[in-house]
Protein backbone atom coordinates (compact mmCIF):
# COMPACT_ATOMS: atom_id res chain seq x y z
CA SER A 1 6.86 -10.27 33.31
CA PHE A 2 7.30 -6.30 33.21
CA LEU A 3 7.46 -6.06 36.89
CA ASN A 4 9.90 -8.97 36.97
CA ALA A 5 11.93 -6.85 34.41
CA ILE A 6 11.83 -3.84 36.67
CA GLY A 7 13.13 -5.94 39.63
CA ALA A 8 16.20 -7.38 37.43
CA LEU A 9 17.13 -4.09 36.43
CA ALA A 10 17.36 -3.11 40.14
CA ALA A 11 19.34 -6.41 41.14
CA VAL A 12 22.07 -5.76 38.41
CA GLY A 13 22.14 -2.10 38.81
CA GLY A 14 20.67 -1.47 35.11
CA SER A 15 20.45 1.34 32.82
CA THR A 16 18.15 4.14 33.13
CA ASN A 17 17.17 3.62 29.65
CA ALA A 18 15.54 0.58 30.29
CA VAL A 19 12.87 2.88 31.60
CA VAL A 20 11.60 4.12 28.14
CA HIS A 21 12.41 0.84 26.53
CA LEU A 22 9.89 -1.08 28.77
CA LEU A 23 7.27 2.09 28.99
CA ALA A 24 7.68 1.80 24.88
CA ILE A 25 7.12 -2.12 24.68
CA ALA A 26 4.34 -2.16 27.13
CA GLY A 27 2.29 0.59 25.52
CA ARG A 28 2.40 -1.32 21.91
CA LEU A 29 1.38 -4.34 23.75
CA GLY A 30 -1.36 -2.37 25.49
CA VAL A 31 0.07 -3.58 28.90
CA GLU A 32 -0.58 -0.97 31.55
CA LEU A 33 2.84 -0.26 33.00
CA GLU A 34 3.83 3.61 34.34
CA LEU A 35 6.73 5.44 35.43
CA ASP A 36 5.69 4.84 39.17
CA ASP A 37 5.60 1.66 38.69
CA PHE A 38 9.75 1.33 38.32
CA ASP A 39 9.71 2.91 42.00
CA ARG A 40 7.16 0.73 43.35
CA THR A 41 8.67 -2.54 41.96
CA GLY A 42 12.57 -1.73 42.24
CA SER A 43 12.52 -0.21 45.86
CA GLY A 44 13.62 -2.63 48.02
CA VAL A 45 15.68 -4.57 45.61
CA PRO A 46 19.35 -5.20 46.63
CA LEU A 47 22.21 -4.52 44.27
CA LEU A 48 23.78 -7.74 43.80
CA VAL A 49 26.28 -7.11 40.82
CA ASP A 50 29.39 -5.63 41.31
CA LEU A 51 29.40 -4.35 37.67
CA GLN A 52 30.58 -0.76 36.19
CA PRO A 53 29.20 1.89 36.50
CA ALA A 54 28.14 1.20 40.15
CA GLY A 55 30.87 -1.24 40.68
CA ARG A 56 34.24 -2.62 39.54
CA HIS A 57 33.75 -5.42 36.90
CA LEU A 58 32.57 -6.02 33.19
CA MET A 59 29.49 -7.73 31.35
CA ASP A 60 31.68 -10.58 30.68
CA ASP A 61 32.41 -11.14 34.21
CA LEU A 62 28.89 -10.99 35.12
CA PHE A 63 28.47 -13.71 32.54
CA ARG A 64 31.51 -15.87 33.87
CA ALA A 65 30.09 -15.48 37.27
CA GLY A 66 26.77 -17.31 36.48
CA GLY A 67 24.52 -14.30 34.55
CA LEU A 68 21.48 -12.75 34.98
CA MET A 69 19.74 -16.22 36.13
CA ALA A 70 22.07 -16.63 38.84
CA VAL A 71 21.33 -13.10 40.29
CA LEU A 72 17.67 -13.55 39.48
CA LYS A 73 17.72 -16.71 42.00
CA GLN A 74 18.92 -14.26 44.92
CA VAL A 75 15.75 -11.79 44.66
CA GLY A 76 13.40 -14.66 43.22
CA ASP A 77 11.14 -13.78 46.27
CA LEU A 78 10.81 -10.24 44.97
CA LEU A 79 9.50 -11.19 41.68
CA ASP A 80 7.13 -13.84 40.11
CA PRO A 81 8.84 -16.50 39.68
CA ALA A 82 5.65 -18.30 38.06
CA ALA A 83 5.76 -15.86 35.23
CA LEU A 84 6.07 -17.49 31.88
CA THR A 85 8.79 -17.08 29.68
CA VAL A 86 8.97 -16.94 25.95
CA THR A 87 10.00 -20.63 25.97
CA GLY A 88 6.44 -21.36 27.75
CA GLU A 89 8.15 -22.55 30.88
CA PRO A 90 7.96 -20.38 33.95
CA LEU A 91 11.23 -18.07 34.99
CA SER A 92 12.15 -20.31 37.81
CA ALA A 93 13.00 -22.91 35.49
CA TYR A 94 15.97 -21.17 34.56
CA PHE A 95 17.40 -19.88 37.95
CA GLY A 96 21.27 -20.59 38.37
CA GLU A 97 23.98 -20.56 40.45
CA ILE A 98 26.87 -18.06 41.39
CA TRP A 99 29.99 -19.09 40.49
CA ASP A 100 32.15 -15.72 41.27
CA GLU A 101 30.97 -14.24 44.67
CA ALA A 102 33.44 -11.10 43.89
CA VAL A 103 31.35 -10.24 41.09
CA ILE A 104 27.42 -11.70 42.00
CA ARG A 105 26.73 -11.03 45.71
CA ARG A 106 24.54 -13.29 47.74
CA ARG A 107 21.45 -11.94 48.84
CA SER A 108 22.80 -11.94 52.48
CA ALA A 109 25.79 -9.23 51.17
CA PRO A 110 24.35 -6.93 48.98
CA LEU A 111 26.30 -4.01 47.56
CA LEU A 112 23.36 -1.74 48.62
CA PRO A 113 20.39 -2.69 50.18
CA ASP A 114 18.04 -0.67 47.99
CA ALA A 115 19.21 -0.22 44.26
CA GLY A 116 16.38 0.48 41.97
CA ILE A 117 15.53 3.41 39.78
CA ALA A 118 14.29 6.60 41.54
CA VAL A 119 11.54 8.53 40.32
CA LEU A 120 11.35 12.06 41.34
CA ARG A 121 8.41 14.50 41.21
CA GLY A 122 8.19 18.26 41.97
CA ASN A 123 7.81 21.59 39.96
CA LEU A 124 10.49 20.74 37.81
CA ALA A 125 9.22 17.37 36.55
CA PRO A 126 5.67 17.25 37.17
CA ARG A 127 5.18 14.02 35.24
CA GLY A 128 8.47 12.65 36.31
CA ALA A 129 12.47 12.22 35.89
CA VAL A 130 14.56 9.14 37.03
CA ILE A 131 17.90 9.14 38.66
CA LYS A 132 19.91 5.72 39.27
CA PRO A 133 21.19 6.20 43.12
CA ALA A 134 23.65 3.34 42.55
CA ALA A 135 25.46 5.33 40.07
CA ALA A 136 25.11 8.74 41.98
CA SER A 137 27.38 10.21 44.70
CA PRO A 138 25.66 9.65 47.74
CA GLU A 139 26.55 13.01 49.36
CA LEU A 140 24.92 14.55 46.54
CA LEU A 141 21.65 12.43 46.49
CA ARG A 142 20.39 15.48 48.92
CA HIS A 143 21.53 18.44 47.43
CA ARG A 144 20.58 22.62 46.91
CA GLY A 145 22.50 24.51 44.64
CA ARG A 146 22.76 27.40 41.87
CA ALA A 147 21.57 26.37 38.45
CA VAL A 148 23.76 26.92 35.64
CA VAL A 149 21.38 26.46 32.25
CA PHE A 150 22.36 25.48 28.66
CA ASP A 151 19.68 25.77 26.02
CA SER A 152 21.03 23.42 24.00
CA ILE A 153 23.92 20.90 23.56
CA GLU A 154 25.65 23.46 20.98
CA ASP A 155 25.38 25.72 23.90
CA LEU A 156 26.59 23.68 26.33
CA TYR A 157 30.08 23.17 24.23
CA GLN A 158 30.29 26.57 23.61
CA ARG A 159 30.18 27.92 26.94
CA LEU A 160 30.80 24.88 29.59
CA ASP A 161 34.26 25.74 30.45
CA THR A 162 33.42 29.96 30.84
CA VAL A 163 30.28 29.46 32.83
CA ASP A 164 30.44 30.73 36.37
CA ALA A 165 30.07 27.61 38.35
CA ASP A 166 31.91 25.91 41.61
CA GLU A 167 31.49 22.27 42.70
CA THR A 168 27.71 23.25 44.44
CA SER A 169 26.17 24.31 41.15
CA VAL A 170 23.58 22.38 39.26
CA LEU A 171 24.12 22.14 35.61
CA VAL A 172 20.93 21.73 33.70
CA LEU A 173 20.54 21.13 29.90
CA ARG A 174 17.26 21.71 28.22
CA GLY A 175 16.10 21.16 24.51
CA CYS A 176 17.30 17.50 24.54
CA GLY A 177 14.18 15.42 24.79
CA PRO A 178 12.38 13.67 22.42
CA ARG A 179 10.88 16.73 20.65
CA GLY A 180 13.76 19.14 21.25
CA TYR A 181 16.59 17.38 19.66
CA PRO A 182 14.75 15.64 18.35
CA GLY A 183 15.21 11.87 19.52
CA MET A 184 16.20 12.13 23.03
CA PRO A 185 20.05 11.72 22.76
CA GLU A 186 22.21 9.87 25.31
CA VAL A 187 23.87 13.69 26.48
CA GLY A 188 22.23 14.02 29.85
CA ASN A 189 25.62 12.93 31.57
CA LEU A 190 26.88 16.55 30.93
CA PRO A 191 30.91 16.84 31.15
CA LEU A 192 31.95 19.15 33.90
CA PRO A 193 33.54 22.40 33.52
CA ALA A 194 37.49 22.03 33.03
CA LYS A 195 38.52 24.49 35.93
CA LEU A 196 36.38 22.28 38.17
CA LEU A 197 37.82 18.77 36.90
CA ALA A 198 41.36 20.65 37.66
CA LYS A 199 40.30 21.26 41.13
CA GLY A 200 39.50 17.57 41.42
CA VAL A 201 35.81 17.72 41.01
CA ARG A 202 34.62 14.40 39.92
CA ASP A 203 30.84 14.62 40.03
CA MET A 204 28.25 17.22 40.23
CA VAL A 205 24.49 17.38 40.11
CA ARG A 206 23.12 17.38 36.47
CA ILE A 207 19.44 17.87 35.30
CA SER A 208 18.19 17.30 31.73
CA ASP A 209 15.53 16.03 29.52
CA ALA A 210 17.96 13.90 27.68
CA ARG A 211 19.08 10.27 28.17
CA MET A 212 22.61 9.05 29.49
CA SER A 213 24.59 5.43 28.59
CA GLY A 214 23.93 2.79 31.08
CA THR A 215 28.14 3.09 31.39
CA ALA A 216 27.79 6.53 32.39
CA TYR A 217 28.50 7.85 36.09
CA GLY A 218 27.13 10.50 38.21
CA THR A 219 24.56 12.32 40.05
CA VAL A 220 22.48 12.73 36.67
CA VAL A 221 18.85 13.51 36.80
CA LEU A 222 17.24 12.62 33.62
CA HIS A 223 13.90 12.30 31.31
CA ALA A 224 12.52 15.49 33.05
CA ALA A 225 8.88 15.36 31.86
CA PRO A 226 7.27 17.42 30.12
CA GLU A 227 10.64 18.06 28.42
CA ALA A 228 11.35 21.85 27.85
CA ALA A 229 10.29 21.83 24.11
CA ALA A 230 6.86 20.44 25.14
CA GLY A 231 6.28 23.36 27.55
CA GLY A 232 7.70 21.80 30.49
CA PRO A 233 9.40 23.67 33.16
CA LEU A 234 12.71 23.49 32.48
CA ALA A 235 12.10 26.09 29.77
CA ARG A 236 11.51 28.34 32.54
CA VAL A 237 14.51 27.83 34.59
CA ARG A 238 17.30 30.46 34.76
CA THR A 239 20.62 30.48 35.66
CA GLY A 240 20.92 31.41 39.41
CA ASP A 241 17.72 29.76 40.25
CA PRO A 242 18.13 27.59 43.59
CA ILE A 243 17.52 24.08 42.70
CA VAL A 244 16.71 21.40 45.22
CA LEU A 245 17.26 17.71 44.69
CA ASP A 246 16.18 14.96 47.30
CA VAL A 247 16.46 11.85 46.04
CA ALA A 248 15.07 10.19 49.80
CA ALA A 249 11.81 12.23 49.47
CA ARG A 250 11.56 11.72 45.65
CA ARG A 251 11.43 15.41 44.86
CA LEU A 252 12.86 17.97 42.26
CA ASP A 253 12.47 21.55 42.41
CA VAL A 254 13.24 24.61 41.46
CA ASP A 255 13.03 27.09 44.57
CA VAL A 256 11.22 30.16 42.98
CA PRO A 257 7.63 31.23 43.67
CA GLU A 258 5.14 29.45 41.27
CA ALA A 259 3.65 32.60 40.24
CA GLU A 260 6.50 33.88 39.44
CA LEU A 261 7.92 30.45 37.36
CA ALA A 262 4.60 30.57 35.75
CA ALA A 263 4.98 34.25 34.23
CA ARG A 264 8.45 33.66 32.77
CA GLU A 265 8.49 33.26 29.00
CA PRO A 266 9.50 30.13 28.21
CA VAL A 267 12.94 29.60 26.10
CA THR A 268 12.31 28.21 22.77
CA THR A 269 15.60 28.51 21.35
CA GLY A 270 17.85 25.76 20.61
CA PHE A 271 14.71 23.41 19.93
CA ALA A 272 14.42 21.32 16.60
CA ARG A 273 11.69 22.56 14.39
CA PRO A 274 11.38 20.36 11.27
CA VAL A 275 9.41 21.33 8.60
CA ARG A 276 8.80 18.09 6.49
CA GLY A 277 9.83 14.57 6.47
CA TRP A 278 10.32 12.09 9.03
CA GLU A 279 11.70 14.46 11.46
CA ARG A 280 8.76 16.50 11.25
CA LEU A 281 6.53 13.33 11.41
CA TYR A 282 8.72 12.21 14.66
CA VAL A 283 8.13 15.69 16.23
CA ASP A 284 4.68 15.95 15.81
CA HIS A 285 3.67 12.61 17.22
CA VAL A 286 6.38 11.48 19.64
CA LEU A 287 5.04 11.00 23.37
CA GLN A 288 6.96 11.96 26.59
CA ALA A 289 9.79 10.26 28.18
CA ASP A 290 7.38 9.10 30.89
CA ARG A 291 5.44 7.13 28.35
CA GLY A 292 8.23 5.84 26.63
CA ALA A 293 9.12 8.51 24.14
CA ASP A 294 7.30 5.89 21.25
CA LEU A 295 4.97 7.49 18.50
CA ASP A 296 1.42 8.29 19.86
CA PHE A 297 0.14 6.14 16.68
CA LEU A 298 2.09 2.81 17.72
CA VAL A 299 0.49 2.66 21.15
CA GLY A 300 -2.15 -0.21 21.67
CA SER A 301 -1.61 -3.70 20.39
CA SER A 302 -2.50 -4.01 16.71
CA GLY A 303 -2.25 -8.22 16.91
CA ASP A 304 -0.21 -10.24 14.82
CA HIS A 305 -2.15 -10.33 11.52
CA VAL A 306 -0.45 -9.47 8.09
CA SER A 307 -3.12 -7.99 5.62
CA ARG A 308 -1.32 -8.80 2.45
CA GLU A 309 1.81 -9.84 1.09
CA SER A 310 4.58 -7.05 0.62
CA HIS A 311 6.10 -7.89 -2.72
């Protein structure tokens, strides 16, 4: 069922948020699901839904055109149609028909032949980062550019329009992961500097340890793990460093000698440091994005037994 969900995610061009959600759910059930499953299972699944941000239409148009089950019928051979649903019936029992081919494409006429979430690794994300190629600019999926680094979301808002950046630059935001913010907010879709927007620039490579909304568009690398606040390499990146993104090769690197990178003092400014209460408990126990950003003491199935009444 989890692998079917990953296939469905690719076929509809779904959100990168599904990655952390599915990893967390699997963790709580004791199911072995890992970040690389999203690449292995999603690769080769075509994008069939012409839905924003990868396409033109809205969610109610998808419903009107036949809904998710019409999409899944088209990619049924890439799924496990015999997997049981919550009703006890197999998934294939609910496959439906397409009512509007302008919204839901047939398998023979996809928007993209390969639409899965891409999992990147390299010296900037040893435990992985993700990007949604269907929502990215094709010309930026292989890119080398100079890093412009922000230490927090407040730093970004304060300096964005005054930094030395052009359209080839790579905007890097750290301190926005599960621990650093805390809570891993949807701020990964960094706005572009006003002077570049005025020139007509509409997309740039952006990298962070944050999340972003599934409705957002752009060449945005998210969920870098480990995050900066957990000692990840993002904490050692400096403005001016060459950043290399190669989605086809599944690589994300900073082109700095490993010895030099390791010798740098990691930046720690801008990270959350709660001293008590729920935030302290959360920061002390939250897992990284590659494990679903759930709390470590909630991992593993605990069954359905209710020990005592609650009133």
